Amino acid sequence: MTFTKFVKMSISNIKNYFVPRQDFKRTIEIIFRDFQTGCLNLLEWFPTIWCDRYWDSYYLFKIIRKKLIGMERNIRENGIHEDASKDADNILICINALNRLIANDYSAVAFKDHDEKWGDLEWESKPSEDHPKYCQMIFYRKNAVTPEQIQQEIDESKVGWELEHKMEQDDLDILFKTMREEILKWWD
């Protein structure tokens, strides 16, 4: 948004405050309250926006979580509608799913037993025989030594990757299914 557009939008918003209202004192109170709320929003959101990047889902999840945390707190503390507590609980379900998505620690859960059995995944790089300018990454686990063990470890790793992917998809489903079904009820 250009500065000129911002000024025009601001003037238009101020005119909208004055035109429909007859009570000047009430209009000034509304403008002051909105200004105060806007400044508090800037302070509250500054750290989140400062760290935002347009790279991947991580930053989008952090922004959604920030918004939902504020909504959950407001609805839980100030909710006046009948299902306010239930709505706050549903928002909390989304926040918890977002926390797991942001942490992105699914592999630690999916590979816990696998790592105990085969050892931690280790790697080294060696110059590529086919392309001397490049290196190849060689991954291995210390307890998978024989060709049969290596193949068994690879097959079991596939199960871990599938579990990791499923857990992540389950959290995405929880988040967006809950939001799709409930978000229009989250008001106060």
N, C-alpha and C. Protein backbone atom coordinates (compact mmCIF):
# COMPACT_ATOMS: atom_id res chain seq x y z
N MET A 1 0.85 -1.16 0.00
CA MET A 1 0.00 0.00 0.00
C MET A 1 0.90 1.23 0.00
N THR A 2 0.62 2.14 -0.88
CA THR A 2 1.41 3.37 -0.95
C THR A 2 0.95 4.32 0.15
N PHE A 3 1.80 5.27 0.44
CA PHE A 3 1.47 6.26 1.48
C PHE A 3 0.23 7.06 1.09
N THR A 4 0.11 7.39 -0.18
CA THR A 4 -1.05 8.16 -0.65
C THR A 4 -2.34 7.37 -0.43
N LYS A 5 -2.32 6.08 -0.77
CA LYS A 5 -3.51 5.26 -0.55
C LYS A 5 -3.83 5.16 0.93
N PHE A 6 -2.80 5.06 1.77
CA PHE A 6 -3.00 4.98 3.21
C PHE A 6 -3.68 6.25 3.72
N VAL A 7 -3.21 7.41 3.27
CA VAL A 7 -3.79 8.69 3.71
C VAL A 7 -5.24 8.79 3.26
N LYS A 8 -5.52 8.43 1.99
CA LYS A 8 -6.89 8.49 1.49
C LYS A 8 -7.80 7.55 2.27
N MET A 9 -7.30 6.35 2.56
CA MET A 9 -8.10 5.39 3.32
C MET A 9 -8.35 5.92 4.73
N SER A 10 -7.35 6.52 5.34
CA SER A 10 -7.50 7.06 6.70
C SER A 10 -8.52 8.19 6.72
N ILE A 11 -8.45 9.09 5.75
CA ILE A 11 -9.42 10.20 5.68
C ILE A 11 -10.82 9.66 5.47
N SER A 12 -10.95 8.66 4.61
CA SER A 12 -12.26 8.06 4.37
C SER A 12 -12.81 7.43 5.65
N ASN A 13 -11.96 6.74 6.40
CA ASN A 13 -12.40 6.12 7.65
C ASN A 13 -12.82 7.16 8.67
N ILE A 14 -12.09 8.26 8.75
CA ILE A 14 -12.45 9.32 9.69
C ILE A 14 -13.78 9.95 9.29
N LYS A 15 -13.98 10.18 7.99
CA LYS A 15 -15.27 10.72 7.53
C LYS A 15 -16.41 9.78 7.89
N ASN A 16 -16.18 8.47 7.76
CA ASN A 16 -17.23 7.50 8.10
C ASN A 16 -17.60 7.56 9.57
N TYR A 17 -16.67 7.94 10.43
CA TYR A 17 -16.98 8.11 11.84
C TYR A 17 -17.90 9.31 12.06
N PHE A 18 -17.65 10.39 11.34
CA PHE A 18 -18.37 11.62 11.59
C PHE A 18 -19.73 11.68 10.90
N VAL A 19 -19.82 11.21 9.69
CA VAL A 19 -21.04 11.40 8.90
C VAL A 19 -22.27 10.74 9.52
N PRO A 20 -22.24 9.44 9.86
CA PRO A 20 -23.48 8.84 10.34
C PRO A 20 -23.82 9.18 11.80
N ARG A 21 -22.88 9.76 12.55
CA ARG A 21 -23.11 10.00 13.97
C ARG A 21 -23.48 11.46 14.22
N GLN A 22 -24.43 11.66 15.11
CA GLN A 22 -24.83 13.00 15.48
C GLN A 22 -24.09 13.44 16.76
N ASP A 23 -23.69 12.47 17.57
CA ASP A 23 -23.09 12.77 18.86
C ASP A 23 -21.57 12.89 18.70
N PHE A 24 -21.06 14.10 18.74
CA PHE A 24 -19.64 14.36 18.53
C PHE A 24 -18.79 13.71 19.62
N LYS A 25 -19.23 13.78 20.87
CA LYS A 25 -18.47 13.21 21.98
C LYS A 25 -18.30 11.70 21.80
N ARG A 26 -19.39 11.04 21.42
CA ARG A 26 -19.33 9.58 21.21
C ARG A 26 -18.40 9.25 20.04
N THR A 27 -18.42 10.04 19.00
CA THR A 27 -17.55 9.83 17.85
C THR A 27 -16.08 9.94 18.25
N ILE A 28 -15.75 10.94 19.05
CA ILE A 28 -14.37 11.12 19.52
C ILE A 28 -13.96 9.93 20.40
N GLU A 29 -14.85 9.45 21.24
CA GLU A 29 -14.56 8.29 22.09
C GLU A 29 -14.25 7.05 21.23
N ILE A 30 -15.02 6.85 20.17
CA ILE A 30 -14.81 5.70 19.28
C ILE A 30 -13.48 5.82 18.57
N ILE A 31 -13.18 7.01 18.07
CA ILE A 31 -11.90 7.22 17.38
C ILE A 31 -10.75 6.98 18.35
N PHE A 32 -10.84 7.50 19.57
CA PHE A 32 -9.78 7.30 20.55
C PHE A 32 -9.62 5.82 20.89
N ARG A 33 -10.74 5.13 21.11
CA ARG A 33 -10.69 3.70 21.43
C ARG A 33 -10.05 2.91 20.30
N ASP A 34 -10.45 3.20 19.06
CA ASP A 34 -9.87 2.50 17.91
C ASP A 34 -8.38 2.80 17.76
N PHE A 35 -7.99 4.05 18.02
CA PHE A 35 -6.57 4.41 17.96
C PHE A 35 -5.79 3.66 19.04
N GLN A 36 -6.34 3.63 20.24
CA GLN A 36 -5.68 2.93 21.35
C GLN A 36 -5.57 1.44 21.05
N THR A 37 -6.64 0.83 20.57
CA THR A 37 -6.63 -0.59 20.22
C THR A 37 -5.62 -0.86 19.11
N GLY A 38 -5.61 0.00 18.11
CA GLY A 38 -4.66 -0.16 17.00
C GLY A 38 -3.22 -0.11 17.48
N CYS A 39 -2.90 0.84 18.37
CA CYS A 39 -1.54 0.94 18.90
C CYS A 39 -1.18 -0.30 19.72
N LEU A 40 -2.11 -0.78 20.54
CA LEU A 40 -1.85 -2.00 21.31
C LEU A 40 -1.65 -3.20 20.39
N ASN A 41 -2.44 -3.27 19.31
CA ASN A 41 -2.27 -4.35 18.33
C ASN A 41 -0.89 -4.30 17.69
N LEU A 42 -0.44 -3.09 17.36
CA LEU A 42 0.90 -2.95 16.77
C LEU A 42 1.97 -3.47 17.72
N LEU A 43 1.85 -3.12 18.99
CA LEU A 43 2.83 -3.58 19.97
C LEU A 43 2.77 -5.11 20.15
N GLU A 44 1.57 -5.63 20.22
CA GLU A 44 1.41 -7.07 20.44
C GLU A 44 1.89 -7.89 19.24
N TRP A 45 1.60 -7.41 18.03
CA TRP A 45 1.92 -8.17 16.82
C TRP A 45 3.33 -7.90 16.30
N PHE A 46 3.99 -6.87 16.79
CA PHE A 46 5.29 -6.49 16.25
C PHE A 46 6.29 -7.65 16.22
N PRO A 47 6.50 -8.38 17.34
CA PRO A 47 7.49 -9.47 17.29
C PRO A 47 7.15 -10.55 16.25
N THR A 48 5.87 -10.85 16.12
CA THR A 48 5.45 -11.88 15.17
C THR A 48 5.69 -11.41 13.74
N ILE A 49 5.29 -10.20 13.44
CA ILE A 49 5.44 -9.67 12.09
C ILE A 49 6.91 -9.42 11.77
N TRP A 50 7.67 -8.97 12.74
CA TRP A 50 9.10 -8.72 12.51
C TRP A 50 9.81 -10.00 12.06
N CYS A 51 9.42 -11.12 12.65
CA CYS A 51 10.08 -12.39 12.35
C CYS A 51 9.45 -13.11 11.15
N ASP A 52 8.38 -12.57 10.60
CA ASP A 52 7.68 -13.24 9.50
C ASP A 52 8.54 -13.24 8.24
N ARG A 53 8.48 -14.34 7.53
CA ARG A 53 9.13 -14.47 6.23
C ARG A 53 8.14 -15.14 5.29
N TYR A 54 8.32 -14.92 4.01
CA TYR A 54 7.39 -15.47 3.01
C TYR A 54 7.90 -16.80 2.46
N TRP A 55 8.57 -17.58 3.27
CA TRP A 55 9.25 -18.77 2.78
C TRP A 55 8.39 -20.02 2.76
N ASP A 56 7.75 -20.32 3.87
CA ASP A 56 7.05 -21.61 3.94
C ASP A 56 5.92 -21.56 4.96
N SER A 57 5.34 -22.71 5.20
CA SER A 57 4.17 -22.81 6.06
C SER A 57 4.48 -22.46 7.52
N TYR A 58 5.71 -22.60 7.96
CA TYR A 58 6.07 -22.34 9.35
C TYR A 58 5.60 -20.95 9.79
N TYR A 59 5.88 -19.94 8.99
CA TYR A 59 5.54 -18.58 9.36
C TYR A 59 4.03 -18.33 9.28
N LEU A 60 3.38 -18.95 8.32
CA LEU A 60 1.92 -18.85 8.24
C LEU A 60 1.29 -19.46 9.48
N PHE A 61 1.78 -20.62 9.90
CA PHE A 61 1.25 -21.27 11.10
C PHE A 61 1.46 -20.38 12.33
N LYS A 62 2.60 -19.70 12.42
CA LYS A 62 2.85 -18.83 13.57
C LYS A 62 1.88 -17.66 13.61
N ILE A 63 1.55 -17.10 12.45
CA ILE A 63 0.61 -15.98 12.41
C ILE A 63 -0.80 -16.46 12.77
N ILE A 64 -1.21 -17.59 12.21
CA ILE A 64 -2.54 -18.13 12.55
C ILE A 64 -2.61 -18.43 14.04
N ARG A 65 -1.55 -19.03 14.60
CA ARG A 65 -1.55 -19.36 16.03
C ARG A 65 -1.66 -18.09 16.87
N LYS A 66 -0.93 -17.05 16.49
CA LYS A 66 -0.99 -15.78 17.24
C LYS A 66 -2.41 -15.25 17.27
N LYS A 67 -3.07 -15.27 16.13
CA LYS A 67 -4.45 -14.77 16.05
C LYS A 67 -5.39 -15.63 16.90
N LEU A 68 -5.24 -16.95 16.81
CA LEU A 68 -6.12 -17.85 17.56
C LEU A 68 -5.88 -17.76 19.06
N ILE A 69 -4.65 -17.53 19.49
CA ILE A 69 -4.37 -17.37 20.92
C ILE A 69 -5.13 -16.17 21.46
N GLY A 70 -5.11 -15.07 20.74
CA GLY A 70 -5.86 -13.88 21.16
C GLY A 70 -7.36 -14.12 21.16
N MET A 71 -7.86 -14.79 20.14
CA MET A 71 -9.30 -15.08 20.07
C MET A 71 -9.73 -16.00 21.21
N GLU A 72 -8.92 -17.04 21.46
CA GLU A 72 -9.27 -18.00 22.52
C GLU A 72 -9.31 -17.29 23.87
N ARG A 73 -8.32 -16.47 24.14
CA ARG A 73 -8.27 -15.74 25.41
C ARG A 73 -9.48 -14.81 25.54
N ASN A 74 -9.78 -14.08 24.47
CA ASN A 74 -10.90 -13.14 24.52
C ASN A 74 -12.23 -13.87 24.72
N ILE A 75 -12.45 -14.93 23.96
CA ILE A 75 -13.72 -15.65 24.07
C ILE A 75 -13.84 -16.34 25.43
N ARG A 76 -12.74 -16.89 25.93
CA ARG A 76 -12.78 -17.56 27.23
C ARG A 76 -13.04 -16.56 28.37
N GLU A 77 -12.41 -15.40 28.31
CA GLU A 77 -12.53 -14.42 29.39
C GLU A 77 -13.75 -13.51 29.25
N ASN A 78 -14.12 -13.18 28.02
CA ASN A 78 -15.18 -12.18 27.82
C ASN A 78 -16.39 -12.71 27.07
N GLY A 79 -16.39 -14.01 26.76
CA GLY A 79 -17.46 -14.56 25.94
C GLY A 79 -18.82 -14.44 26.62
N ILE A 80 -19.75 -13.90 25.87
CA ILE A 80 -21.10 -13.74 26.43
C ILE A 80 -22.12 -14.65 25.76
N HIS A 81 -21.73 -15.31 24.70
CA HIS A 81 -22.68 -16.20 24.04
C HIS A 81 -22.68 -17.55 24.74
N GLU A 82 -23.72 -18.31 24.51
CA GLU A 82 -23.97 -19.55 25.25
C GLU A 82 -22.84 -20.56 25.14
N ASP A 83 -22.27 -20.73 23.96
CA ASP A 83 -21.24 -21.74 23.75
C ASP A 83 -19.82 -21.16 23.79
N ALA A 84 -19.62 -20.07 24.50
CA ALA A 84 -18.31 -19.42 24.51
C ALA A 84 -17.21 -20.37 25.01
N SER A 85 -17.48 -21.10 26.06
CA SER A 85 -16.48 -22.01 26.61
C SER A 85 -16.14 -23.12 25.62
N LYS A 86 -17.16 -23.66 24.97
CA LYS A 86 -16.95 -24.71 23.96
C LYS A 86 -16.16 -24.15 22.77
N ASP A 87 -16.50 -22.94 22.35
CA ASP A 87 -15.77 -22.32 21.24
C ASP A 87 -14.31 -22.09 21.60
N ALA A 88 -14.05 -21.63 22.83
CA ALA A 88 -12.67 -21.43 23.27
C ALA A 88 -11.92 -22.77 23.29
N ASP A 89 -12.59 -23.84 23.70
CA ASP A 89 -11.97 -25.17 23.69
C ASP A 89 -11.64 -25.62 22.27
N ASN A 90 -12.53 -25.34 21.32
CA ASN A 90 -12.26 -25.70 19.92
C ASN A 90 -11.09 -24.90 19.35
N ILE A 91 -11.01 -23.64 19.74
CA ILE A 91 -9.86 -22.83 19.30
C ILE A 91 -8.58 -23.41 19.90
N LEU A 92 -8.65 -23.84 21.15
CA LEU A 92 -7.47 -24.43 21.80
C LEU A 92 -7.03 -25.71 21.10
N ILE A 93 -7.97 -26.48 20.59
CA ILE A 93 -7.63 -27.67 19.80
C ILE A 93 -6.80 -27.26 18.59
N CYS A 94 -7.22 -26.20 17.92
CA CYS A 94 -6.47 -25.70 16.76
C CYS A 94 -5.10 -25.19 17.16
N ILE A 95 -5.02 -24.49 18.28
CA ILE A 95 -3.73 -23.98 18.75
C ILE A 95 -2.78 -25.12 19.03
N ASN A 96 -3.28 -26.18 19.66
CA ASN A 96 -2.42 -27.33 19.98
C ASN A 96 -1.92 -28.02 18.70
N ALA A 97 -2.80 -28.13 17.71
CA ALA A 97 -2.37 -28.71 16.43
C ALA A 97 -1.31 -27.81 15.78
N LEU A 98 -1.52 -26.50 15.84
CA LEU A 98 -0.53 -25.57 15.29
C LEU A 98 0.80 -25.66 16.03
N ASN A 99 0.75 -25.83 17.35
CA ASN A 99 2.00 -25.99 18.12
C ASN A 99 2.80 -27.18 17.63
N ARG A 100 2.11 -28.29 17.36
CA ARG A 100 2.80 -29.48 16.87
C ARG A 100 3.33 -29.26 15.45
N LEU A 101 2.54 -28.58 14.60
CA LEU A 101 2.99 -28.31 13.24
C LEU A 101 4.20 -27.37 13.23
N ILE A 102 4.20 -26.39 14.10
CA ILE A 102 5.32 -25.45 14.17
C ILE A 102 6.56 -26.15 14.71
N ALA A 103 6.39 -26.98 15.74
CA ALA A 103 7.53 -27.70 16.31
C ALA A 103 8.12 -28.69 15.29
N ASN A 104 7.26 -29.24 14.45
CA ASN A 104 7.67 -30.15 13.38
C ASN A 104 8.60 -31.24 13.92
N ASP A 105 8.17 -31.88 14.99
CA ASP A 105 8.99 -32.89 15.66
C ASP A 105 8.42 -34.29 15.45
N TYR A 106 7.76 -34.48 14.34
CA TYR A 106 7.10 -35.76 14.08
C TYR A 106 8.11 -36.90 13.92
N SER A 107 9.27 -36.60 13.35
CA SER A 107 10.24 -37.67 13.12
C SER A 107 10.77 -38.22 14.44
N ALA A 108 10.91 -37.39 15.46
CA ALA A 108 11.39 -37.89 16.75
C ALA A 108 10.42 -38.92 17.33
N VAL A 109 9.14 -38.68 17.13
CA VAL A 109 8.12 -39.63 17.62
C VAL A 109 8.09 -40.86 16.73
N ALA A 110 8.08 -40.65 15.43
CA ALA A 110 7.94 -41.76 14.48
C ALA A 110 9.15 -42.69 14.49
N PHE A 111 10.33 -42.15 14.76
CA PHE A 111 11.55 -42.95 14.68
C PHE A 111 12.17 -43.29 16.03
N LYS A 112 11.44 -43.04 17.12
CA LYS A 112 12.00 -43.29 18.46
C LYS A 112 12.45 -44.74 18.62
N ASP A 113 11.54 -45.69 18.39
CA ASP A 113 11.89 -47.11 18.53
C ASP A 113 12.91 -47.53 17.47
N HIS A 114 12.75 -47.00 16.28
CA HIS A 114 13.67 -47.33 15.18
C HIS A 114 15.10 -46.91 15.52
N ASP A 115 15.24 -45.69 16.06
CA ASP A 115 16.57 -45.20 16.43
C ASP A 115 17.18 -46.04 17.56
N GLU A 116 16.34 -46.46 18.50
CA GLU A 116 16.85 -47.31 19.59
C GLU A 116 17.35 -48.66 19.04
N LYS A 117 16.64 -49.19 18.06
CA LYS A 117 17.00 -50.49 17.49
C LYS A 117 18.25 -50.40 16.61
N TRP A 118 18.28 -49.41 15.70
CA TRP A 118 19.34 -49.36 14.68
C TRP A 118 20.41 -48.32 14.97
N GLY A 119 20.21 -47.48 15.97
CA GLY A 119 21.17 -46.40 16.24
C GLY A 119 20.77 -45.14 15.50
N ASP A 120 21.35 -44.03 15.89
CA ASP A 120 21.03 -42.74 15.26
C ASP A 120 21.47 -42.75 13.80
N LEU A 121 20.73 -42.00 13.01
CA LEU A 121 21.09 -41.85 11.60
C LEU A 121 22.35 -40.99 11.51
N GLU A 122 23.36 -41.52 10.85
CA GLU A 122 24.60 -40.79 10.66
C GLU A 122 24.86 -40.66 9.17
N TRP A 123 25.74 -39.76 8.84
CA TRP A 123 26.03 -39.55 7.42
C TRP A 123 27.47 -39.07 7.25
N GLU A 124 27.93 -39.23 6.05
CA GLU A 124 29.22 -38.69 5.65
C GLU A 124 29.14 -38.36 4.16
N SER A 125 30.03 -37.51 3.73
CA SER A 125 30.06 -37.17 2.31
C SER A 125 31.39 -37.64 1.73
N LYS A 126 31.29 -38.14 0.52
CA LYS A 126 32.47 -38.61 -0.21
C LYS A 126 32.41 -38.02 -1.62
N PRO A 127 33.56 -37.80 -2.21
CA PRO A 127 33.55 -37.33 -3.60
C PRO A 127 32.83 -38.35 -4.49
N SER A 128 32.03 -37.85 -5.37
CA SER A 128 31.27 -38.72 -6.27
C SER A 128 32.20 -39.29 -7.34
N GLU A 129 32.06 -40.57 -7.57
CA GLU A 129 32.88 -41.21 -8.61
C GLU A 129 32.40 -40.81 -10.00
N ASP A 130 31.09 -40.62 -10.15
CA ASP A 130 30.52 -40.26 -11.45
C ASP A 130 30.73 -38.78 -11.79
N HIS A 131 30.68 -37.94 -10.77
CA HIS A 131 30.79 -36.49 -10.98
C HIS A 131 31.81 -35.95 -9.98
N PRO A 132 33.07 -35.81 -10.38
CA PRO A 132 34.14 -35.42 -9.46
C PRO A 132 33.92 -34.06 -8.78
N LYS A 133 33.16 -33.18 -9.39
CA LYS A 133 32.92 -31.86 -8.78
C LYS A 133 31.93 -31.93 -7.62
N TYR A 134 31.22 -33.03 -7.51
CA TYR A 134 30.17 -33.15 -6.51
C TYR A 134 30.53 -34.19 -5.45
N CYS A 135 29.82 -34.09 -4.34
CA CYS A 135 29.96 -35.09 -3.28
C CYS A 135 28.64 -35.86 -3.18
N GLN A 136 28.75 -37.06 -2.70
CA GLN A 136 27.54 -37.84 -2.45
C GLN A 136 27.39 -38.03 -0.95
N MET A 137 26.16 -38.00 -0.50
CA MET A 137 25.86 -38.19 0.91
C MET A 137 25.59 -39.68 1.14
N ILE A 138 26.23 -40.21 2.13
CA ILE A 138 26.03 -41.62 2.47
C ILE A 138 25.46 -41.66 3.88
N PHE A 139 24.25 -42.20 3.99
CA PHE A 139 23.56 -42.32 5.27
C PHE A 139 23.69 -43.75 5.77
N TYR A 140 23.85 -43.90 7.07
CA TYR A 140 23.96 -45.24 7.63
C TYR A 140 23.59 -45.20 9.11
N ARG A 141 23.36 -46.39 9.64
CA ARG A 141 23.11 -46.57 11.07
C ARG A 141 24.08 -47.63 11.56
N LYS A 142 24.65 -47.39 12.73
CA LYS A 142 25.74 -48.25 13.21
C LYS A 142 25.31 -49.69 13.46
N ASN A 143 24.04 -49.95 13.72
CA ASN A 143 23.58 -51.32 14.00
C ASN A 143 23.11 -52.07 12.75
N ALA A 144 23.14 -51.41 11.62
CA ALA A 144 22.78 -52.06 10.34
C ALA A 144 24.09 -52.26 9.57
N VAL A 145 24.61 -53.48 9.66
CA VAL A 145 25.94 -53.75 9.10
C VAL A 145 25.88 -54.61 7.86
N THR A 146 25.18 -55.73 7.96
CA THR A 146 25.10 -56.65 6.82
C THR A 146 24.13 -56.12 5.79
N PRO A 147 24.23 -56.59 4.55
CA PRO A 147 23.28 -56.15 3.51
C PRO A 147 21.82 -56.44 3.91
N GLU A 148 21.59 -57.57 4.59
CA GLU A 148 20.23 -57.90 5.01
C GLU A 148 19.74 -56.91 6.07
N GLN A 149 20.59 -56.55 7.02
CA GLN A 149 20.23 -55.59 8.05
C GLN A 149 19.99 -54.21 7.44
N ILE A 150 20.84 -53.84 6.51
CA ILE A 150 20.68 -52.54 5.85
C ILE A 150 19.34 -52.48 5.13
N GLN A 151 18.98 -53.54 4.42
CA GLN A 151 17.70 -53.56 3.72
C GLN A 151 16.54 -53.55 4.70
N GLN A 152 16.66 -54.30 5.79
CA GLN A 152 15.61 -54.32 6.80
C GLN A 152 15.45 -52.93 7.43
N GLU A 153 16.57 -52.28 7.70
CA GLU A 153 16.51 -50.92 8.27
C GLU A 153 15.84 -49.96 7.30
N ILE A 154 16.15 -50.07 6.03
CA ILE A 154 15.52 -49.20 5.02
C ILE A 154 14.03 -49.46 4.96
N ASP A 155 13.62 -50.73 4.97
CA ASP A 155 12.19 -51.07 4.93
C ASP A 155 11.46 -50.53 6.16
N GLU A 156 12.09 -50.67 7.33
CA GLU A 156 11.47 -50.16 8.55
C GLU A 156 11.47 -48.63 8.57
N SER A 157 12.45 -48.01 7.94
CA SER A 157 12.47 -46.54 7.84
C SER A 157 11.27 -46.04 7.05
N LYS A 158 10.90 -46.78 6.02
CA LYS A 158 9.74 -46.39 5.21
C LYS A 158 8.48 -46.34 6.07
N VAL A 159 8.37 -47.27 7.00
CA VAL A 159 7.22 -47.27 7.92
C VAL A 159 7.26 -46.01 8.78
N GLY A 160 8.45 -45.65 9.26
CA GLY A 160 8.61 -44.43 10.06
C GLY A 160 8.26 -43.18 9.27
N TRP A 161 8.70 -43.12 8.01
CA TRP A 161 8.37 -41.96 7.17
C TRP A 161 6.87 -41.84 6.95
N GLU A 162 6.22 -42.99 6.74
CA GLU A 162 4.77 -42.99 6.55
C GLU A 162 4.06 -42.53 7.82
N LEU A 163 4.53 -42.99 8.99
CA LEU A 163 3.94 -42.57 10.26
C LEU A 163 4.15 -41.08 10.49
N GLU A 164 5.35 -40.60 10.19
CA GLU A 164 5.65 -39.18 10.32
C GLU A 164 4.69 -38.35 9.45
N HIS A 165 4.55 -38.76 8.20
CA HIS A 165 3.65 -38.05 7.28
C HIS A 165 2.21 -38.11 7.77
N LYS A 166 1.78 -39.26 8.27
CA LYS A 166 0.40 -39.42 8.75
C LYS A 166 0.13 -38.52 9.96
N MET A 167 1.06 -38.45 10.89
CA MET A 167 0.87 -37.59 12.06
C MET A 167 0.75 -36.13 11.66
N GLU A 168 1.58 -35.71 10.72
CA GLU A 168 1.52 -34.33 10.24
C GLU A 168 0.19 -34.06 9.54
N GLN A 169 -0.24 -34.99 8.69
CA GLN A 169 -1.52 -34.83 8.00
C GLN A 169 -2.68 -34.84 8.97
N ASP A 170 -2.60 -35.66 10.01
CA ASP A 170 -3.66 -35.69 11.03
C ASP A 170 -3.79 -34.33 11.71
N ASP A 171 -2.66 -33.70 12.04
CA ASP A 171 -2.72 -32.38 12.66
C ASP A 171 -3.27 -31.33 11.69
N LEU A 172 -2.90 -31.42 10.43
CA LEU A 172 -3.48 -30.50 9.43
C LEU A 172 -4.98 -30.71 9.32
N ASP A 173 -5.41 -31.98 9.34
CA ASP A 173 -6.84 -32.28 9.28
C ASP A 173 -7.57 -31.74 10.51
N ILE A 174 -6.99 -31.94 11.69
CA ILE A 174 -7.60 -31.41 12.92
C ILE A 174 -7.74 -29.91 12.82
N LEU A 175 -6.67 -29.24 12.43
CA LEU A 175 -6.68 -27.78 12.35
C LEU A 175 -7.73 -27.27 11.38
N PHE A 176 -7.64 -27.71 10.13
CA PHE A 176 -8.49 -27.11 9.12
C PHE A 176 -9.92 -27.65 9.15
N LYS A 177 -10.12 -28.88 9.60
CA LYS A 177 -11.48 -29.39 9.75
C LYS A 177 -12.20 -28.65 10.87
N THR A 178 -11.50 -28.46 11.98
CA THR A 178 -12.11 -27.73 13.10
C THR A 178 -12.40 -26.30 12.69
N MET A 179 -11.46 -25.66 12.02
CA MET A 179 -11.70 -24.28 11.59
C MET A 179 -12.85 -24.21 10.58
N ARG A 180 -12.87 -25.13 9.64
CA ARG A 180 -13.93 -25.12 8.63
C ARG A 180 -15.31 -25.27 9.28
N GLU A 181 -15.41 -26.13 10.28
CA GLU A 181 -16.70 -26.40 10.90
C GLU A 181 -17.08 -25.37 11.97
N GLU A 182 -16.09 -24.72 12.59
CA GLU A 182 -16.39 -23.92 13.77
C GLU A 182 -16.09 -22.42 13.65
N ILE A 183 -15.27 -22.02 12.71
CA ILE A 183 -14.73 -20.66 12.72
C ILE A 183 -15.81 -19.57 12.67
N LEU A 184 -16.89 -19.81 11.99
CA LEU A 184 -17.94 -18.80 11.91
C LEU A 184 -18.70 -18.63 13.22
N LYS A 185 -18.48 -19.54 14.16
CA LYS A 185 -19.09 -19.44 15.48
C LYS A 185 -18.20 -18.67 16.46
N TRP A 186 -16.96 -18.44 16.08
CA TRP A 186 -16.00 -17.80 16.97
C TRP A 186 -16.14 -16.29 16.89
N TRP A 187 -16.98 -15.75 17.70
CA TRP A 187 -17.21 -14.32 17.70
C TRP A 187 -17.53 -13.90 19.12
N ASP A 188 -17.42 -12.63 19.35
CA ASP A 188 -17.87 -12.07 20.61
C ASP A 188 -17.91 -10.58 20.55
